PDB file of N, CA and C in Angstrom:
ATOM      1  N   MET A   1      26.409  -2.270  -2.567  1.00  0.00           N
ATOM      2  CA  MET A   1      25.747  -0.957  -3.240  1.00  0.00           C
ATOM      3  C   MET A   1      25.455  -0.083  -2.235  1.00  0.00           C
ATOM      4  N   ARG A   2      25.977   1.246  -2.422  1.00  0.00           N
ATOM      5  CA  ARG A   2      25.945   2.313  -1.493  1.00  0.00           C
ATOM      6  C   ARG A   2      24.503   2.881  -1.726  1.00  0.00           C
ATOM      7  N   ARG A   3      23.806   3.084  -0.546  1.00  0.00           N
ATOM      8  CA  ARG A   3      22.543   3.640  -0.529  1.00  0.00           C
ATOM      9  C   ARG A   3      22.727   5.258  -0.159  1.00  0.00           C
ATOM     10  N   LYS A   4      22.099   6.020  -0.942  1.00  0.00           N
ATOM     11  CA  LYS A   4      22.395   7.368  -0.786  1.00  0.00           C
ATOM     12  C   LYS A   4      21.317   8.085   0.200  1.00  0.00           C
ATOM     13  N   ARG A   5      21.617   8.320   1.437  1.00  0.00           N
ATOM     14  CA  ARG A   5      20.721   8.847   1.909  1.00  0.00           C
ATOM     15  C   ARG A   5      19.491   7.983   2.660  1.00  0.00           C
ATOM     16  N   GLY A   6      19.789   6.669   2.360  1.00  0.00           N
ATOM     17  CA  GLY A   6      18.779   5.680   3.088  1.00  0.00           C
ATOM     18  C   GLY A   6      17.417   5.662   2.256  1.00  0.00           C
ATOM     19  N   HIS A   7      17.391   6.147   1.131  1.00  0.00           N
ATOM     20  CA  HIS A   7      16.210   6.183   0.824  1.00  0.00           C
ATOM     21  C   HIS A   7      15.845   5.101   0.306  1.00  0.00           C
ATOM     22  N   LEU A   8      16.407   4.032  -0.054  1.00  0.00           N
ATOM     23  CA  LEU A   8      15.954   2.474  -0.508  1.00  0.00           C
ATOM     24  C   LEU A   8      15.400   1.788   0.739  1.00  0.00           C
ATOM     25  N   GLN A   9      15.694   2.085   1.954  1.00  0.00           N
ATOM     26  CA  GLN A   9      15.056   1.792   3.091  1.00  0.00           C
ATOM     27  C   GLN A   9      13.962   2.315   3.589  1.00  0.00           C
ATOM     28  N   GLN A  10      13.590   3.391   2.952  1.00  0.00           N
ATOM     29  CA  GLN A  10      12.603   4.028   3.586  1.00  0.00           C
ATOM     30  C   GLN A  10      11.258   3.939   2.726  1.00  0.00           C
ATOM     31  N   SER A  11      11.149   3.024   1.686  1.00  0.00           N
ATOM     32  CA  SER A  11      10.139   2.940   0.614  1.00  0.00           C
ATOM     33  C   SER A  11       9.726   4.223  -0.053  1.00  0.00           C
ATOM     34  N   VAL A  12      10.990   4.908  -0.419  1.00  0.00           N
ATOM     35  CA  VAL A  12      10.711   6.224  -1.131  1.00  0.00           C
ATOM     36  C   VAL A  12      11.006   5.680  -2.734  1.00  0.00           C
ATOM     37  N   GLY A  13      10.263   5.708  -3.897  1.00  0.00           N
ATOM     38  CA  GLY A  13      10.364   5.498  -5.089  1.00  0.00           C
ATOM     39  C   GLY A  13      10.336   6.755  -5.922  1.00  0.00           C
ATOM     40  N   ARG A  14      10.981   6.516  -7.010  1.00  0.00           N
ATOM     41  CA  ARG A  14      10.813   7.742  -8.108  1.00  0.00           C
ATOM     42  C   ARG A  14       9.508   7.262  -9.184  1.00  0.00           C
ATOM     43  N   SER A  15       8.968   8.545  -9.273  1.00  0.00           N
ATOM     44  CA  SER A  15       7.836   8.419 -10.313  1.00  0.00           C
ATOM     45  C   SER A  15       7.777   9.809 -10.815  1.00  0.00           C
ATOM     46  N   LYS A  16       6.866  10.146 -11.689  1.00  0.00           N
ATOM     47  CA  LYS A  16       6.801  11.455 -12.472  1.00  0.00           C
ATOM     48  C   LYS A  16       7.026  12.639 -11.556  1.00  0.00           C
ATOM     49  N   GLY A  17       6.317  12.658 -10.339  1.00  0.00           N
ATOM     50  CA  GLY A  17       6.572  13.811  -9.526  1.00  0.00           C
ATOM     51  C   GLY A  17       7.627  13.713  -8.819  1.00  0.00           C
ATOM     52  N   GLY A  18       8.514  12.793  -8.910  1.00  0.00           N
ATOM     53  CA  GLY A  18       9.689  12.840  -8.133  1.00  0.00           C
ATOM     54  C   GLY A  18       9.822  11.869  -7.040  1.00  0.00           C
ATOM     55  N   LEU A  19      10.362  11.833  -5.903  1.00  0.00           N
ATOM     56  CA  LEU A  19      10.279  10.770  -4.821  1.00  0.00           C
ATOM     57  C   LEU A  19       9.142  10.731  -4.145  1.00  0.00           C
ATOM     58  N   THR A  20       8.530   9.660  -4.087  1.00  0.00           N
ATOM     59  CA  THR A  20       7.318   9.376  -3.498  1.00  0.00           C
ATOM     60  C   THR A  20       7.154   8.193  -2.655  1.00  0.00           C
ATOM     61  N   THR A  21       6.164   7.927  -1.588  1.00  0.00           N
ATOM     62  CA  THR A  21       5.744   6.850  -0.890  1.00  0.00           C
ATOM     63  C   THR A  21       4.332   6.697  -1.132  1.00  0.00           C
ATOM     64  N   LYS A  22       3.683   5.423  -1.152  1.00  0.00           N
ATOM     65  CA  LYS A  22       2.323   5.154  -1.088  1.00  0.00           C
ATOM     66  C   LYS A  22       2.073   4.474   0.354  1.00  0.00           C
ATOM     67  N   ILE A  23       0.952   5.037   0.904  1.00  0.00           N
ATOM     68  CA  ILE A  23       0.689   4.528   2.217  1.00  0.00           C
ATOM     69  C   ILE A  23      -0.762   3.786   1.719  1.00  0.00           C
ATOM     70  N   HIS A  24      -0.781   2.393   2.208  1.00  0.00           N
ATOM     71  CA  HIS A  24      -1.942   1.434   1.986  1.00  0.00           C
ATOM     72  C   HIS A  24      -2.471   1.223   3.493  1.00  0.00           C
ATOM     73  N   ALA A  25      -3.621   1.369   3.472  1.00  0.00           N
ATOM     74  CA  ALA A  25      -4.269   1.072   5.093  1.00  0.00           C
ATOM     75  C   ALA A  25      -5.670   0.437   4.914  1.00  0.00           C
ATOM     76  N   VAL A  26      -5.737  -0.428   6.010  1.00  0.00           N
ATOM     77  CA  VAL A  26      -6.988  -1.025   6.269  1.00  0.00           C
ATOM     78  C   VAL A  26      -7.418  -0.687   7.595  1.00  0.00           C
ATOM     79  N   VAL A  27      -8.790   0.200   7.490  1.00  0.00           N
ATOM     80  CA  VAL A  27      -9.316   0.552   8.680  1.00  0.00           C
ATOM     81  C   VAL A  27     -10.599  -0.163   8.903  1.00  0.00           C
ATOM     82  N   ASP A  28     -11.013   0.010  10.172  1.00  0.00           N
ATOM     83  CA  ASP A  28     -12.344  -0.239  10.368  1.00  0.00           C
ATOM     84  C   ASP A  28     -13.480   0.823  10.275  1.00  0.00           C
ATOM     85  N   ALA A  29     -14.830   0.386  10.570  1.00  0.00           N
ATOM     86  CA  ALA A  29     -15.832   1.257  10.291  1.00  0.00           C
ATOM     87  C   ALA A  29     -15.715   2.646  10.755  1.00  0.00           C
ATOM     88  N   LEU A  30     -15.003   2.847  11.995  1.00  0.00           N
ATOM     89  CA  LEU A  30     -14.790   3.893  12.595  1.00  0.00           C
ATOM     90  C   LEU A  30     -13.850   4.701  12.131  1.00  0.00           C
ATOM     91  N   GLY A  31     -12.782   4.042  11.300  1.00  0.00           N
ATOM     92  CA  GLY A  31     -11.592   4.971  10.539  1.00  0.00           C
ATOM     93  C   GLY A  31     -10.366   4.281  11.417  1.00  0.00           C
ATOM     94  N   ASN A  32     -10.557   3.727  12.489  1.00  0.00           N
ATOM     95  CA  ASN A  32      -9.182   3.213  13.096  1.00  0.00           C
ATOM     96  C   ASN A  32      -8.396   2.198  12.173  1.00  0.00           C
ATOM     97  N   PRO A  33      -6.938   2.523  12.142  1.00  0.00           N
ATOM     98  CA  PRO A  33      -6.313   1.835  11.461  1.00  0.00           C
ATOM     99  C   PRO A  33      -6.064   0.286  11.895  1.00  0.00           C
ATOM    100  N   LEU A  34      -6.168  -0.550  10.942  1.00  0.00           N
ATOM    101  CA  LEU A  34      -5.884  -1.949  11.316  1.00  0.00           C
ATOM    102  C   LEU A  34      -4.599  -2.486  10.919  1.00  0.00           C
ATOM    103  N   ARG A  35      -4.177  -2.151   9.483  1.00  0.00           N
ATOM    104  CA  ARG A  35      -3.050  -2.392   9.012  1.00  0.00           C
ATOM    105  C   ARG A  35      -2.623  -1.299   8.079  1.00  0.00           C
ATOM    106  N   ILE A  36      -1.263  -1.301   8.089  1.00  0.00           N
ATOM    107  CA  ILE A  36      -0.641  -0.267   7.253  1.00  0.00           C
ATOM    108  C   ILE A  36       0.519  -0.622   6.491  1.00  0.00           C
ATOM    109  N   PHE A  37       0.544  -0.484   5.419  1.00  0.00           N
ATOM    110  CA  PHE A  37       1.716  -0.991   4.597  1.00  0.00           C
ATOM    111  C   PHE A  37       2.334  -0.024   3.416  1.00  0.00           C
ATOM    112  N   LEU A  38       3.439   0.366   3.611  1.00  0.00           N
ATOM    113  CA  LEU A  38       4.113   1.293   2.832  1.00  0.00           C
ATOM    114  C   LEU A  38       4.851   1.015   1.467  1.00  0.00           C
ATOM    115  N   THR A  39       4.699   1.485   0.450  1.00  0.00           N
ATOM    116  CA  THR A  39       5.360   1.084  -0.749  1.00  0.00           C
ATOM    117  C   THR A  39       6.056   2.162  -1.357  1.00  0.00           C
ATOM    118  N   HIS A  40       6.951   1.876  -2.374  1.00  0.00           N
ATOM    119  CA  HIS A  40       7.826   2.833  -3.060  1.00  0.00           C
ATOM    120  C   HIS A  40       6.418   3.640  -3.897  1.00  0.00           C
ATOM    121  N   GLY A  41       6.742   4.903  -4.235  1.00  0.00           N
ATOM    122  CA  GLY A  41       5.596   5.524  -5.101  1.00  0.00           C
ATOM    123  C   GLY A  41       5.309   5.164  -6.615  1.00  0.00           C
ATOM    124  N   ASN A  42       6.273   4.522  -7.238  1.00  0.00           N
ATOM    125  CA  ASN A  42       6.054   3.705  -8.342  1.00  0.00           C
ATOM    126  C   ASN A  42       5.609   2.261  -8.480  1.00  0.00           C
ATOM    127  N   VAL A  43       5.349   1.688  -7.314  1.00  0.00           N
ATOM    128  CA  VAL A  43       4.857   0.469  -7.141  1.00  0.00           C
ATOM    129  C   VAL A  43       3.176   0.390  -7.245  1.00  0.00           C
ATOM    130  N   ASN A  44       2.684  -0.500  -8.212  1.00  0.00           N
ATOM    131  CA  ASN A  44       1.162  -0.392  -8.512  1.00  0.00           C
ATOM    132  C   ASN A  44       0.445  -0.734  -6.983  1.00  0.00           C
ATOM    133  N   ALA A  45      -0.703  -0.266  -6.913  1.00  0.00           N
ATOM    134  CA  ALA A  45      -1.459  -0.282  -5.826  1.00  0.00           C
ATOM    135  C   ALA A  45      -1.935  -1.931  -5.539  1.00  0.00           C
ATOM    136  N   ILE A  46      -2.105  -2.537  -6.694  1.00  0.00           N
ATOM    137  CA  ILE A  46      -2.605  -3.934  -6.412  1.00  0.00           C
ATOM    138  C   ILE A  46      -1.288  -4.915  -5.704  1.00  0.00           C
ATOM    139  N   VAL A  47      -0.176  -4.343  -5.719  1.00  0.00           N
ATOM    140  CA  VAL A  47       0.964  -5.363  -5.184  1.00  0.00           C
ATOM    141  C   VAL A  47       0.554  -5.478  -3.754  1.00  0.00           C
ATOM    142  N   PRO A  48       0.279  -4.883  -2.855  1.00  0.00           N
ATOM    143  CA  PRO A  48       0.179  -5.034  -1.429  1.00  0.00           C
ATOM    144  C   PRO A  48      -1.322  -5.596  -0.968  1.00  0.00           C
ATOM    145  N   ALA A  49      -2.363  -5.538  -1.907  1.00  0.00           N
ATOM    146  CA  ALA A  49      -3.617  -5.597  -1.585  1.00  0.00           C
ATOM    147  C   ALA A  49      -3.862  -6.938  -1.069  1.00  0.00           C
ATOM    148  N   ALA A  50      -3.430  -7.869  -1.630  1.00  0.00           N
ATOM    149  CA  ALA A  50      -3.500  -9.515  -1.041  1.00  0.00           C
ATOM    150  C   ALA A  50      -2.968  -9.678   0.481  1.00  0.00           C
ATOM    151  N   SER A  51      -1.907  -8.932   0.635  1.00  0.00           N
ATOM    152  CA  SER A  51      -1.262  -8.938   1.851  1.00  0.00           C
ATOM    153  C   SER A  51      -2.097  -8.100   3.026  1.00  0.00           C
ATOM    154  N   LEU A  52      -2.757  -7.197   2.683  1.00  0.00           N
ATOM    155  CA  LEU A  52      -3.503  -6.323   3.531  1.00  0.00           C
ATOM    156  C   LEU A  52      -4.727  -6.975   3.796  1.00  0.00           C
ATOM    157  N   ILE A  53      -5.438  -7.637   3.036  1.00  0.00           N
ATOM    158  CA  ILE A  53      -6.744  -8.087   3.376  1.00  0.00           C
ATOM    159  C   ILE A  53      -6.824  -9.629   3.849  1.00  0.00           C
ATOM    160  N   LYS A  54      -5.365 -10.321   3.590  1.00  0.00           N
ATOM    161  CA  LYS A  54      -5.335 -11.524   4.132  1.00  0.00           C
ATOM    162  C   LYS A  54      -5.732 -11.853   5.445  1.00  0.00           C
ATOM    163  N   GLY A  55      -6.624 -12.886   5.729  1.00  0.00           N
ATOM    164  CA  GLY A  55      -7.161 -13.066   7.217  1.00  0.00           C
ATOM    165  C   GLY A  55      -7.845 -12.101   7.877  1.00  0.00           C
ATOM    166  N   LEU A  56      -8.542 -11.155   7.165  1.00  0.00           N
ATOM    167  CA  LEU A  56      -9.536 -10.473   7.751  1.00  0.00           C
ATOM    168  C   LEU A  56     -10.897 -10.724   7.255  1.00  0.00           C
ATOM    169  N   SER A  57     -11.687 -10.693   8.517  1.00  0.00           N
ATOM    170  CA  SER A  57     -13.098 -11.135   8.318  1.00  0.00           C
ATOM    171  C   SER A  57     -14.028  -9.937   8.132  1.00  0.00           C
ATOM    172  N   ALA A  58     -14.794  -9.583   7.299  1.00  0.00           N
ATOM    173  CA  ALA A  58     -15.693  -8.591   7.111  1.00  0.00           C
ATOM    174  C   ALA A  58     -16.980  -8.927   6.290  1.00  0.00           C
ATOM    175  N   ASP A  59     -17.712  -8.113   6.493  1.00  0.00           N
ATOM    176  CA  ASP A  59     -19.162  -8.444   5.571  1.00  0.00           C
ATOM    177  C   ASP A  59     -18.925  -7.676   4.298  1.00  0.00           C
ATOM    178  N   LYS A  60     -18.289  -6.597   4.339  1.00  0.00           N
ATOM    179  CA  LYS A  60     -18.132  -5.646   3.062  1.00  0.00           C
ATOM    180  C   LYS A  60     -16.787  -5.230   3.112  1.00  0.00           C
ATOM    181  N   LEU A  61     -16.390  -4.925   1.894  1.00  0.00           N
ATOM    182  CA  LEU A  61     -15.146  -4.379   1.743  1.00  0.00           C
ATOM    183  C   LEU A  61     -15.325  -2.885   0.763  1.00  0.00           C
ATOM    184  N   LEU A  62     -14.625  -2.043   1.104  1.00  0.00           N
ATOM    185  CA  LEU A  62     -14.755  -0.800   0.508  1.00  0.00           C
ATOM    186  C   LEU A  62     -13.456  -0.326  -0.052  1.00  0.00           C
ATOM    187  N   ALA A  63     -12.927  -0.321  -1.391  1.00  0.00           N
ATOM    188  CA  ALA A  63     -11.579   0.153  -1.941  1.00  0.00           C
ATOM    189  C   ALA A  63     -11.729   0.691  -3.146  1.00  0.00           C
ATOM    190  N   ASP A  64     -10.675   1.410  -3.342  1.00  0.00           N
ATOM    191  CA  ASP A  64     -10.330   2.188  -4.405  1.00  0.00           C
ATOM    192  C   ASP A  64     -10.220   1.210  -5.596  1.00  0.00           C
ATOM    193  N   ARG A  65     -10.558   1.687  -6.862  1.00  0.00           N
ATOM    194  CA  ARG A  65     -10.630   0.772  -8.213  1.00  0.00           C
ATOM    195  C   ARG A  65      -9.296   0.472  -8.251  1.00  0.00           C
ATOM    196  N   ALA A  66      -8.274   0.952  -7.873  1.00  0.00           N
ATOM    197  CA  ALA A  66      -6.762   0.492  -8.121  1.00  0.00           C
ATOM    198  C   ALA A  66      -6.550  -0.891  -7.598  1.00  0.00           C
ATOM    199  N   TYR A  67      -7.483  -1.365  -6.651  1.00  0.00           N
ATOM    200  CA  TYR A  67      -7.252  -2.566  -5.921  1.00  0.00           C
ATOM    201  C   TYR A  67      -8.092  -3.543  -6.421  1.00  0.00           C
ATOM    202  N   ASP A  68      -8.817  -3.448  -7.550  1.00  0.00           N
ATOM    203  CA  ASP A  68      -9.612  -4.173  -8.138  1.00  0.00           C
ATOM    204  C   ASP A  68      -8.949  -5.423  -8.907  1.00  0.00           C
ATOM    205  N   ALA A  69      -9.105  -6.668  -8.810  1.00  0.00           N
ATOM    206  CA  ALA A  69      -8.428  -7.714  -9.352  1.00  0.00           C
ATOM    207  C   ALA A  69      -9.190  -9.020  -9.303  1.00  0.00           C
ATOM    208  N   THR A  70      -9.136  -9.855 -10.250  1.00  0.00           N
ATOM    209  CA  THR A  70     -10.061 -11.101 -10.036  1.00  0.00           C
ATOM    210  C   THR A  70      -9.236 -12.215  -9.047  1.00  0.00           C
ATOM    211  N   ASP A  71      -7.784 -11.940  -8.924  1.00  0.00           N
ATOM    212  CA  ASP A  71      -7.015 -12.649  -7.908  1.00  0.00           C
ATOM    213  C   ASP A  71      -7.421 -12.540  -6.414  1.00  0.00           C
ATOM    214  N   LEU A  72      -8.012 -11.443  -6.017  1.00  0.00           N
ATOM    215  CA  LEU A  72      -8.540 -11.129  -4.845  1.00  0.00           C
ATOM    216  C   LEU A  72      -9.653 -11.798  -4.434  1.00  0.00           C
TER     217      LEU A  72
END
């Protein structure tokens, strides 16, 4: 399959607004990044959530409601 301008390799997905990318990040209390994960713009935010928090130890977790699931 031919890739046009490499957009499939760069986590760029098509959504209502056009070609987009989502950046999912885990930061510490000071805002320093601990983990960063890129997905296509049309991928649901819950998809990378388990991978982002796996193995982390924390007393509290603050997340957007898009990351709310009983599986986590």
